[in-house]
Amino acid sequence: MVSIFSVKLSLKVEYACRVLAQLAYCYKVGELTHIEQLAIAEQIPKNYLVQILSELRSGGIITSRRGKQGGYALVREPDKISLYEIIKVVDAELLEARFTSNGQSGAKVANVWEHISVDFQKIVARYTLKSFLPEDRAIMYHI
């Protein structure tokens, strides 16, 4: 019997992970990457990407520079940026368990979901941005 488990993450988290994977690929080169290149490489609408990049910059995950020679880059090595940190910056509600203890079963239900929430946080903290990079760098679109 095959069991299928699905976690519904926000599109914002998915896009953030994808664009950060592109920036991780460019990290060792030390070049800044233009938003247009990121949007094309990951097929993310530019206007939405602007918002995500702004949040990632405010959250201390990326840096940016304006102008013709400007662009975006990671502030730390890909293996030093956790998935937990990315989620916390772009969609912190995914990390929160909010249940009331109302009703006869409320306390037990809240307790179970609190444990699941803690486990989820521990799991996403174990993964780093490096986890999103393909083993074969030729697979990654070079921008």
N, C-alpha and C. Protein backbone atom coordinates (compact mmCIF):
# COMPACT_ATOMS: atom_id res chain seq x y z
N MET A 1 0.83 -1.18 0.00
CA MET A 1 0.00 0.00 0.00
C MET A 1 0.88 1.24 0.00
N VAL A 2 0.63 2.13 -0.93
CA VAL A 2 1.40 3.36 -1.05
C VAL A 2 0.65 4.48 -0.33
N SER A 3 1.37 5.17 0.51
CA SER A 3 0.80 6.30 1.23
C SER A 3 1.33 7.59 0.62
N ILE A 4 0.43 8.49 0.34
CA ILE A 4 0.84 9.78 -0.21
C ILE A 4 0.52 10.85 0.81
N PHE A 5 1.55 11.58 1.18
CA PHE A 5 1.40 12.66 2.14
C PHE A 5 1.74 13.96 1.44
N SER A 6 0.94 14.95 1.63
CA SER A 6 1.15 16.22 0.96
C SER A 6 1.14 17.35 1.97
N VAL A 7 2.08 18.26 1.82
CA VAL A 7 2.13 19.46 2.65
C VAL A 7 1.86 20.63 1.72
N LYS A 8 0.91 21.44 2.08
CA LYS A 8 0.59 22.59 1.25
C LYS A 8 1.38 23.79 1.74
N LEU A 9 2.40 24.13 0.98
CA LEU A 9 3.19 25.31 1.29
C LEU A 9 2.70 26.46 0.42
N SER A 10 2.98 27.64 0.85
CA SER A 10 2.55 28.80 0.07
C SER A 10 3.41 28.94 -1.18
N LEU A 11 2.83 29.55 -2.19
CA LEU A 11 3.56 29.82 -3.42
C LEU A 11 4.74 30.73 -3.13
N LYS A 12 4.59 31.59 -2.15
CA LYS A 12 5.67 32.50 -1.77
C LYS A 12 6.89 31.73 -1.27
N VAL A 13 6.67 30.69 -0.46
CA VAL A 13 7.79 29.88 0.03
C VAL A 13 8.44 29.14 -1.13
N GLU A 14 7.61 28.58 -2.01
CA GLU A 14 8.16 27.87 -3.17
C GLU A 14 9.02 28.80 -4.02
N TYR A 15 8.48 29.97 -4.34
CA TYR A 15 9.23 30.93 -5.16
C TYR A 15 10.51 31.38 -4.46
N ALA A 16 10.44 31.62 -3.17
CA ALA A 16 11.62 32.04 -2.41
C ALA A 16 12.70 30.96 -2.48
N CYS A 17 12.31 29.71 -2.32
CA CYS A 17 13.28 28.61 -2.38
C CYS A 17 13.90 28.51 -3.78
N ARG A 18 13.09 28.67 -4.80
CA ARG A 18 13.59 28.58 -6.17
C ARG A 18 14.55 29.71 -6.51
N VAL A 19 14.20 30.93 -6.13
CA VAL A 19 15.09 32.05 -6.45
C VAL A 19 16.36 31.98 -5.60
N LEU A 20 16.25 31.52 -4.38
CA LEU A 20 17.44 31.36 -3.54
C LEU A 20 18.35 30.25 -4.07
N ALA A 21 17.77 29.22 -4.67
CA ALA A 21 18.57 28.17 -5.30
C ALA A 21 19.40 28.76 -6.44
N GLN A 22 18.78 29.66 -7.22
CA GLN A 22 19.52 30.33 -8.30
C GLN A 22 20.66 31.17 -7.71
N LEU A 23 20.37 31.91 -6.65
CA LEU A 23 21.41 32.73 -6.04
C LEU A 23 22.50 31.87 -5.40
N ALA A 24 22.12 30.71 -4.89
CA ALA A 24 23.10 29.79 -4.30
C ALA A 24 24.05 29.28 -5.37
N TYR A 25 23.51 29.00 -6.54
CA TYR A 25 24.34 28.53 -7.64
C TYR A 25 25.39 29.58 -8.01
N CYS A 26 25.02 30.84 -7.92
CA CYS A 26 25.93 31.94 -8.28
C CYS A 26 26.80 32.38 -7.11
N TYR A 27 26.60 31.84 -5.92
CA TYR A 27 27.29 32.33 -4.73
C TYR A 27 28.80 32.27 -4.85
N LYS A 28 29.33 31.14 -5.29
CA LYS A 28 30.79 30.97 -5.35
C LYS A 28 31.44 31.90 -6.37
N VAL A 29 30.69 32.24 -7.41
CA VAL A 29 31.21 33.13 -8.44
C VAL A 29 31.35 34.55 -7.90
N GLY A 30 30.49 34.91 -6.95
CA GLY A 30 30.54 36.22 -6.33
C GLY A 30 29.92 37.34 -7.14
N GLU A 31 29.10 36.97 -8.12
CA GLU A 31 28.44 37.97 -8.94
C GLU A 31 27.04 38.28 -8.42
N LEU A 32 26.61 39.50 -8.65
CA LEU A 32 25.23 39.88 -8.35
C LEU A 32 24.36 39.47 -9.54
N THR A 33 23.13 39.08 -9.26
CA THR A 33 22.22 38.62 -10.31
C THR A 33 21.05 39.58 -10.41
N HIS A 34 20.73 39.98 -11.62
CA HIS A 34 19.62 40.90 -11.87
C HIS A 34 18.28 40.21 -11.70
N ILE A 35 17.30 40.98 -11.27
CA ILE A 35 15.96 40.45 -11.03
C ILE A 35 15.35 39.86 -12.30
N GLU A 36 15.63 40.48 -13.44
CA GLU A 36 15.08 39.97 -14.70
C GLU A 36 15.59 38.56 -14.97
N GLN A 37 16.87 38.32 -14.72
CA GLN A 37 17.45 37.00 -14.92
C GLN A 37 16.83 35.97 -13.98
N LEU A 38 16.62 36.37 -12.74
CA LEU A 38 16.01 35.47 -11.76
C LEU A 38 14.57 35.12 -12.15
N ALA A 39 13.83 36.13 -12.57
CA ALA A 39 12.43 35.92 -12.96
C ALA A 39 12.33 34.97 -14.14
N ILE A 40 13.21 35.14 -15.12
CA ILE A 40 13.19 34.27 -16.30
C ILE A 40 13.62 32.86 -15.94
N ALA A 41 14.71 32.73 -15.19
CA ALA A 41 15.25 31.41 -14.86
C ALA A 41 14.24 30.57 -14.08
N GLU A 42 13.50 31.19 -13.18
CA GLU A 42 12.59 30.43 -12.33
C GLU A 42 11.12 30.63 -12.69
N GLN A 43 10.87 31.36 -13.77
CA GLN A 43 9.50 31.58 -14.25
C GLN A 43 8.59 32.12 -13.14
N ILE A 44 9.08 33.18 -12.53
CA ILE A 44 8.35 33.85 -11.45
C ILE A 44 7.98 35.25 -11.94
N PRO A 45 6.73 35.66 -11.78
CA PRO A 45 6.35 37.02 -12.19
C PRO A 45 7.23 38.06 -11.50
N LYS A 46 7.79 38.96 -12.27
CA LYS A 46 8.74 39.94 -11.74
C LYS A 46 8.15 40.78 -10.62
N ASN A 47 6.88 41.20 -10.76
CA ASN A 47 6.29 42.05 -9.73
C ASN A 47 6.16 41.31 -8.39
N TYR A 48 5.91 40.01 -8.43
CA TYR A 48 5.83 39.22 -7.20
C TYR A 48 7.23 38.94 -6.66
N LEU A 49 8.17 38.75 -7.57
CA LEU A 49 9.55 38.49 -7.16
C LEU A 49 10.16 39.69 -6.44
N VAL A 50 9.80 40.89 -6.85
CA VAL A 50 10.29 42.10 -6.18
C VAL A 50 9.92 42.06 -4.70
N GLN A 51 8.67 41.69 -4.41
CA GLN A 51 8.20 41.61 -3.03
C GLN A 51 8.97 40.54 -2.24
N ILE A 52 9.15 39.38 -2.84
CA ILE A 52 9.84 38.28 -2.17
C ILE A 52 11.30 38.65 -1.90
N LEU A 53 11.96 39.21 -2.89
CA LEU A 53 13.36 39.62 -2.71
C LEU A 53 13.50 40.69 -1.64
N SER A 54 12.53 41.58 -1.57
CA SER A 54 12.55 42.62 -0.54
C SER A 54 12.46 41.99 0.86
N GLU A 55 11.58 41.02 1.00
CA GLU A 55 11.44 40.34 2.29
C GLU A 55 12.71 39.56 2.64
N LEU A 56 13.30 38.90 1.66
CA LEU A 56 14.54 38.14 1.90
C LEU A 56 15.68 39.08 2.28
N ARG A 57 15.71 40.26 1.67
CA ARG A 57 16.74 41.25 2.01
C ARG A 57 16.51 41.78 3.43
N SER A 58 15.27 42.12 3.74
CA SER A 58 14.95 42.60 5.09
C SER A 58 15.22 41.54 6.15
N GLY A 59 15.05 40.28 5.76
CA GLY A 59 15.29 39.17 6.69
C GLY A 59 16.75 38.78 6.82
N GLY A 60 17.64 39.45 6.08
CA GLY A 60 19.07 39.20 6.21
C GLY A 60 19.58 37.98 5.47
N ILE A 61 18.80 37.48 4.51
CA ILE A 61 19.22 36.30 3.76
C ILE A 61 19.97 36.69 2.49
N ILE A 62 19.57 37.79 1.89
CA ILE A 62 20.24 38.27 0.67
C ILE A 62 20.64 39.72 0.85
N THR A 63 21.47 40.17 -0.07
CA THR A 63 21.85 41.57 -0.13
C THR A 63 21.56 42.06 -1.54
N SER A 64 21.48 43.35 -1.70
CA SER A 64 21.22 43.89 -3.03
C SER A 64 22.00 45.18 -3.23
N ARG A 65 22.18 45.49 -4.50
CA ARG A 65 22.82 46.75 -4.86
C ARG A 65 22.08 47.29 -6.08
N ARG A 66 21.82 48.57 -6.08
CA ARG A 66 21.08 49.21 -7.18
C ARG A 66 22.03 49.57 -8.31
N GLY A 67 21.42 49.83 -9.44
CA GLY A 67 22.18 50.33 -10.58
C GLY A 67 22.47 49.28 -11.62
N LYS A 68 23.15 49.72 -12.66
CA LYS A 68 23.46 48.85 -13.79
C LYS A 68 24.30 47.65 -13.37
N GLN A 69 25.20 47.84 -12.46
CA GLN A 69 26.05 46.76 -11.96
C GLN A 69 25.46 46.10 -10.72
N GLY A 70 24.22 46.43 -10.43
CA GLY A 70 23.56 45.93 -9.23
C GLY A 70 22.95 44.56 -9.42
N GLY A 71 22.24 44.14 -8.40
CA GLY A 71 21.58 42.84 -8.41
C GLY A 71 21.45 42.29 -7.01
N TYR A 72 21.29 40.96 -6.93
CA TYR A 72 21.05 40.29 -5.67
C TYR A 72 22.07 39.18 -5.46
N ALA A 73 22.39 38.90 -4.19
CA ALA A 73 23.31 37.82 -3.84
C ALA A 73 23.00 37.35 -2.42
N LEU A 74 23.38 36.12 -2.14
CA LEU A 74 23.26 35.59 -0.78
C LEU A 74 24.25 36.29 0.14
N VAL A 75 23.90 36.41 1.41
CA VAL A 75 24.84 37.02 2.36
C VAL A 75 25.73 35.98 3.04
N ARG A 76 25.31 34.71 2.96
CA ARG A 76 26.08 33.61 3.56
C ARG A 76 26.11 32.43 2.59
N GLU A 77 26.96 31.50 2.89
CA GLU A 77 27.05 30.28 2.09
C GLU A 77 25.71 29.54 2.12
N PRO A 78 25.37 28.86 1.02
CA PRO A 78 24.09 28.14 0.96
C PRO A 78 23.87 27.13 2.10
N ASP A 79 24.94 26.50 2.57
CA ASP A 79 24.77 25.52 3.65
C ASP A 79 24.64 26.17 5.03
N LYS A 80 24.65 27.50 5.06
CA LYS A 80 24.47 28.24 6.32
C LYS A 80 23.10 28.91 6.40
N ILE A 81 22.26 28.68 5.39
CA ILE A 81 20.92 29.27 5.36
C ILE A 81 19.91 28.12 5.44
N SER A 82 19.18 28.05 6.53
CA SER A 82 18.25 26.94 6.73
C SER A 82 16.89 27.20 6.09
N LEU A 83 16.22 26.13 5.76
CA LEU A 83 14.85 26.23 5.25
C LEU A 83 13.96 26.88 6.31
N TYR A 84 14.22 26.58 7.57
CA TYR A 84 13.47 27.21 8.66
C TYR A 84 13.58 28.74 8.58
N GLU A 85 14.80 29.22 8.36
CA GLU A 85 15.03 30.67 8.27
C GLU A 85 14.29 31.27 7.08
N ILE A 86 14.31 30.57 5.96
CA ILE A 86 13.62 31.06 4.75
C ILE A 86 12.11 31.16 5.02
N ILE A 87 11.53 30.10 5.58
CA ILE A 87 10.10 30.10 5.87
C ILE A 87 9.76 31.19 6.87
N LYS A 88 10.58 31.34 7.90
CA LYS A 88 10.33 32.35 8.93
C LYS A 88 10.31 33.76 8.33
N VAL A 89 11.13 33.99 7.33
CA VAL A 89 11.20 35.32 6.72
C VAL A 89 10.03 35.57 5.78
N VAL A 90 9.66 34.60 4.95
CA VAL A 90 8.65 34.87 3.92
C VAL A 90 7.24 34.43 4.28
N ASP A 91 7.08 33.48 5.20
CA ASP A 91 5.72 33.02 5.55
C ASP A 91 5.73 32.38 6.93
N ALA A 92 5.99 33.17 7.95
CA ALA A 92 6.16 32.68 9.32
C ALA A 92 4.93 31.93 9.84
N GLU A 93 3.75 32.22 9.30
CA GLU A 93 2.54 31.54 9.76
C GLU A 93 2.60 30.03 9.57
N LEU A 94 3.39 29.56 8.61
CA LEU A 94 3.53 28.12 8.40
C LEU A 94 4.16 27.42 9.60
N LEU A 95 4.89 28.18 10.40
CA LEU A 95 5.58 27.61 11.55
C LEU A 95 4.77 27.69 12.84
N GLU A 96 3.60 28.31 12.76
CA GLU A 96 2.79 28.50 13.96
C GLU A 96 1.68 27.46 14.03
N ALA A 97 1.47 26.97 15.22
CA ALA A 97 0.33 26.08 15.48
C ALA A 97 -0.63 26.86 16.38
N ARG A 98 -1.78 27.17 15.84
CA ARG A 98 -2.75 27.95 16.63
C ARG A 98 -4.04 27.15 16.76
N PHE A 99 -4.19 26.51 17.86
CA PHE A 99 -5.41 25.76 18.16
C PHE A 99 -5.89 26.15 19.55
N THR A 100 -7.17 26.18 19.72
CA THR A 100 -7.72 26.48 21.04
C THR A 100 -7.94 25.17 21.78
N SER A 101 -8.10 25.28 23.06
CA SER A 101 -8.39 24.09 23.85
C SER A 101 -9.87 24.08 24.25
N ASN A 102 -10.69 24.69 23.43
CA ASN A 102 -12.13 24.73 23.68
C ASN A 102 -12.75 23.34 23.48
N GLY A 103 -13.87 23.13 24.11
CA GLY A 103 -14.60 21.88 23.93
C GLY A 103 -13.95 20.73 24.69
N GLN A 104 -14.60 19.60 24.63
CA GLN A 104 -14.12 18.43 25.36
C GLN A 104 -12.81 17.87 24.80
N SER A 105 -12.62 17.99 23.50
CA SER A 105 -11.43 17.41 22.86
C SER A 105 -10.37 18.45 22.53
N GLY A 106 -10.69 19.71 22.72
CA GLY A 106 -9.80 20.79 22.30
C GLY A 106 -8.39 20.71 22.83
N ALA A 107 -8.24 20.41 24.10
CA ALA A 107 -6.90 20.37 24.70
C ALA A 107 -6.04 19.27 24.07
N LYS A 108 -6.63 18.11 23.87
CA LYS A 108 -5.88 17.00 23.27
C LYS A 108 -5.53 17.30 21.80
N VAL A 109 -6.49 17.85 21.07
CA VAL A 109 -6.24 18.19 19.66
C VAL A 109 -5.12 19.23 19.58
N ALA A 110 -5.19 20.26 20.40
CA ALA A 110 -4.17 21.30 20.42
C ALA A 110 -2.80 20.73 20.77
N ASN A 111 -2.77 19.81 21.71
CA ASN A 111 -1.52 19.19 22.14
C ASN A 111 -0.87 18.39 21.01
N VAL A 112 -1.67 17.59 20.31
CA VAL A 112 -1.14 16.79 19.20
C VAL A 112 -0.57 17.71 18.12
N TRP A 113 -1.33 18.74 17.74
CA TRP A 113 -0.87 19.64 16.69
C TRP A 113 0.34 20.45 17.13
N GLU A 114 0.46 20.75 18.39
CA GLU A 114 1.64 21.44 18.89
C GLU A 114 2.88 20.55 18.72
N HIS A 115 2.75 19.27 19.03
CA HIS A 115 3.86 18.33 18.83
C HIS A 115 4.24 18.23 17.35
N ILE A 116 3.25 18.16 16.49
CA ILE A 116 3.50 18.09 15.05
C ILE A 116 4.21 19.36 14.59
N SER A 117 3.79 20.50 15.09
CA SER A 117 4.40 21.78 14.73
C SER A 117 5.87 21.82 15.14
N VAL A 118 6.16 21.35 16.35
CA VAL A 118 7.54 21.31 16.83
C VAL A 118 8.38 20.39 15.96
N ASP A 119 7.84 19.23 15.63
CA ASP A 119 8.56 18.29 14.75
C ASP A 119 8.81 18.90 13.38
N PHE A 120 7.81 19.57 12.83
CA PHE A 120 7.96 20.22 11.53
C PHE A 120 9.08 21.26 11.57
N GLN A 121 9.11 22.06 12.62
CA GLN A 121 10.15 23.07 12.75
C GLN A 121 11.54 22.43 12.83
N LYS A 122 11.65 21.33 13.54
CA LYS A 122 12.94 20.63 13.64
C LYS A 122 13.37 20.08 12.29
N ILE A 123 12.42 19.54 11.55
CA ILE A 123 12.73 18.97 10.23
C ILE A 123 13.20 20.05 9.27
N VAL A 124 12.46 21.17 9.16
CA VAL A 124 12.85 22.21 8.21
C VAL A 124 14.15 22.90 8.63
N ALA A 125 14.47 22.87 9.91
CA ALA A 125 15.72 23.45 10.38
C ALA A 125 16.92 22.61 9.95
N ARG A 126 16.70 21.32 9.70
CA ARG A 126 17.80 20.43 9.28
C ARG A 126 18.20 20.64 7.83
N TYR A 127 17.30 21.15 7.01
CA TYR A 127 17.60 21.37 5.59
C TYR A 127 18.17 22.76 5.38
N THR A 128 19.13 22.84 4.48
CA THR A 128 19.71 24.13 4.14
C THR A 128 19.44 24.42 2.66
N LEU A 129 19.76 25.62 2.28
CA LEU A 129 19.60 26.03 0.89
C LEU A 129 20.40 25.12 -0.04
N LYS A 130 21.49 24.60 0.45
CA LYS A 130 22.32 23.69 -0.34
C LYS A 130 21.51 22.45 -0.78
N SER A 131 20.50 22.08 0.00
CA SER A 131 19.65 20.93 -0.32
C SER A 131 18.91 21.12 -1.63
N PHE A 132 18.70 22.37 -2.06
CA PHE A 132 17.95 22.66 -3.28
C PHE A 132 18.81 22.63 -4.54
N LEU A 133 20.10 22.52 -4.36
CA LEU A 133 20.99 22.52 -5.52
C LEU A 133 21.12 21.12 -6.08
N PRO A 134 21.06 20.99 -7.40
CA PRO A 134 21.20 19.67 -8.01
C PRO A 134 22.63 19.16 -7.84
N GLU A 135 22.76 17.85 -7.77
CA GLU A 135 24.09 17.25 -7.67
C GLU A 135 24.91 17.58 -8.91
N ASP A 136 24.24 17.53 -10.06
CA ASP A 136 24.88 17.84 -11.33
C ASP A 136 24.61 19.30 -11.66
N ARG A 137 25.61 20.14 -11.51
CA ARG A 137 25.41 21.57 -11.73
C ARG A 137 24.99 21.90 -13.15
N ALA A 138 25.21 21.02 -14.09
CA ALA A 138 24.81 21.28 -15.47
C ALA A 138 23.29 21.35 -15.58
N ILE A 139 22.57 20.76 -14.62
CA ILE A 139 21.12 20.78 -14.64
C ILE A 139 20.61 22.18 -14.33
N MET A 140 21.32 22.92 -13.51
CA MET A 140 20.87 24.24 -13.10
C MET A 140 21.05 25.23 -14.23
N TYR A 141 20.05 26.05 -14.42
CA TYR A 141 20.12 27.10 -15.43
C TYR A 141 21.10 28.15 -14.97
N HIS A 142 22.11 28.42 -15.74
CA HIS A 142 23.11 29.43 -15.36
C HIS A 142 22.65 30.80 -15.84
N ILE A 143 22.58 31.74 -14.90
CA ILE A 143 22.11 33.08 -15.24
C ILE A 143 23.24 34.07 -15.28
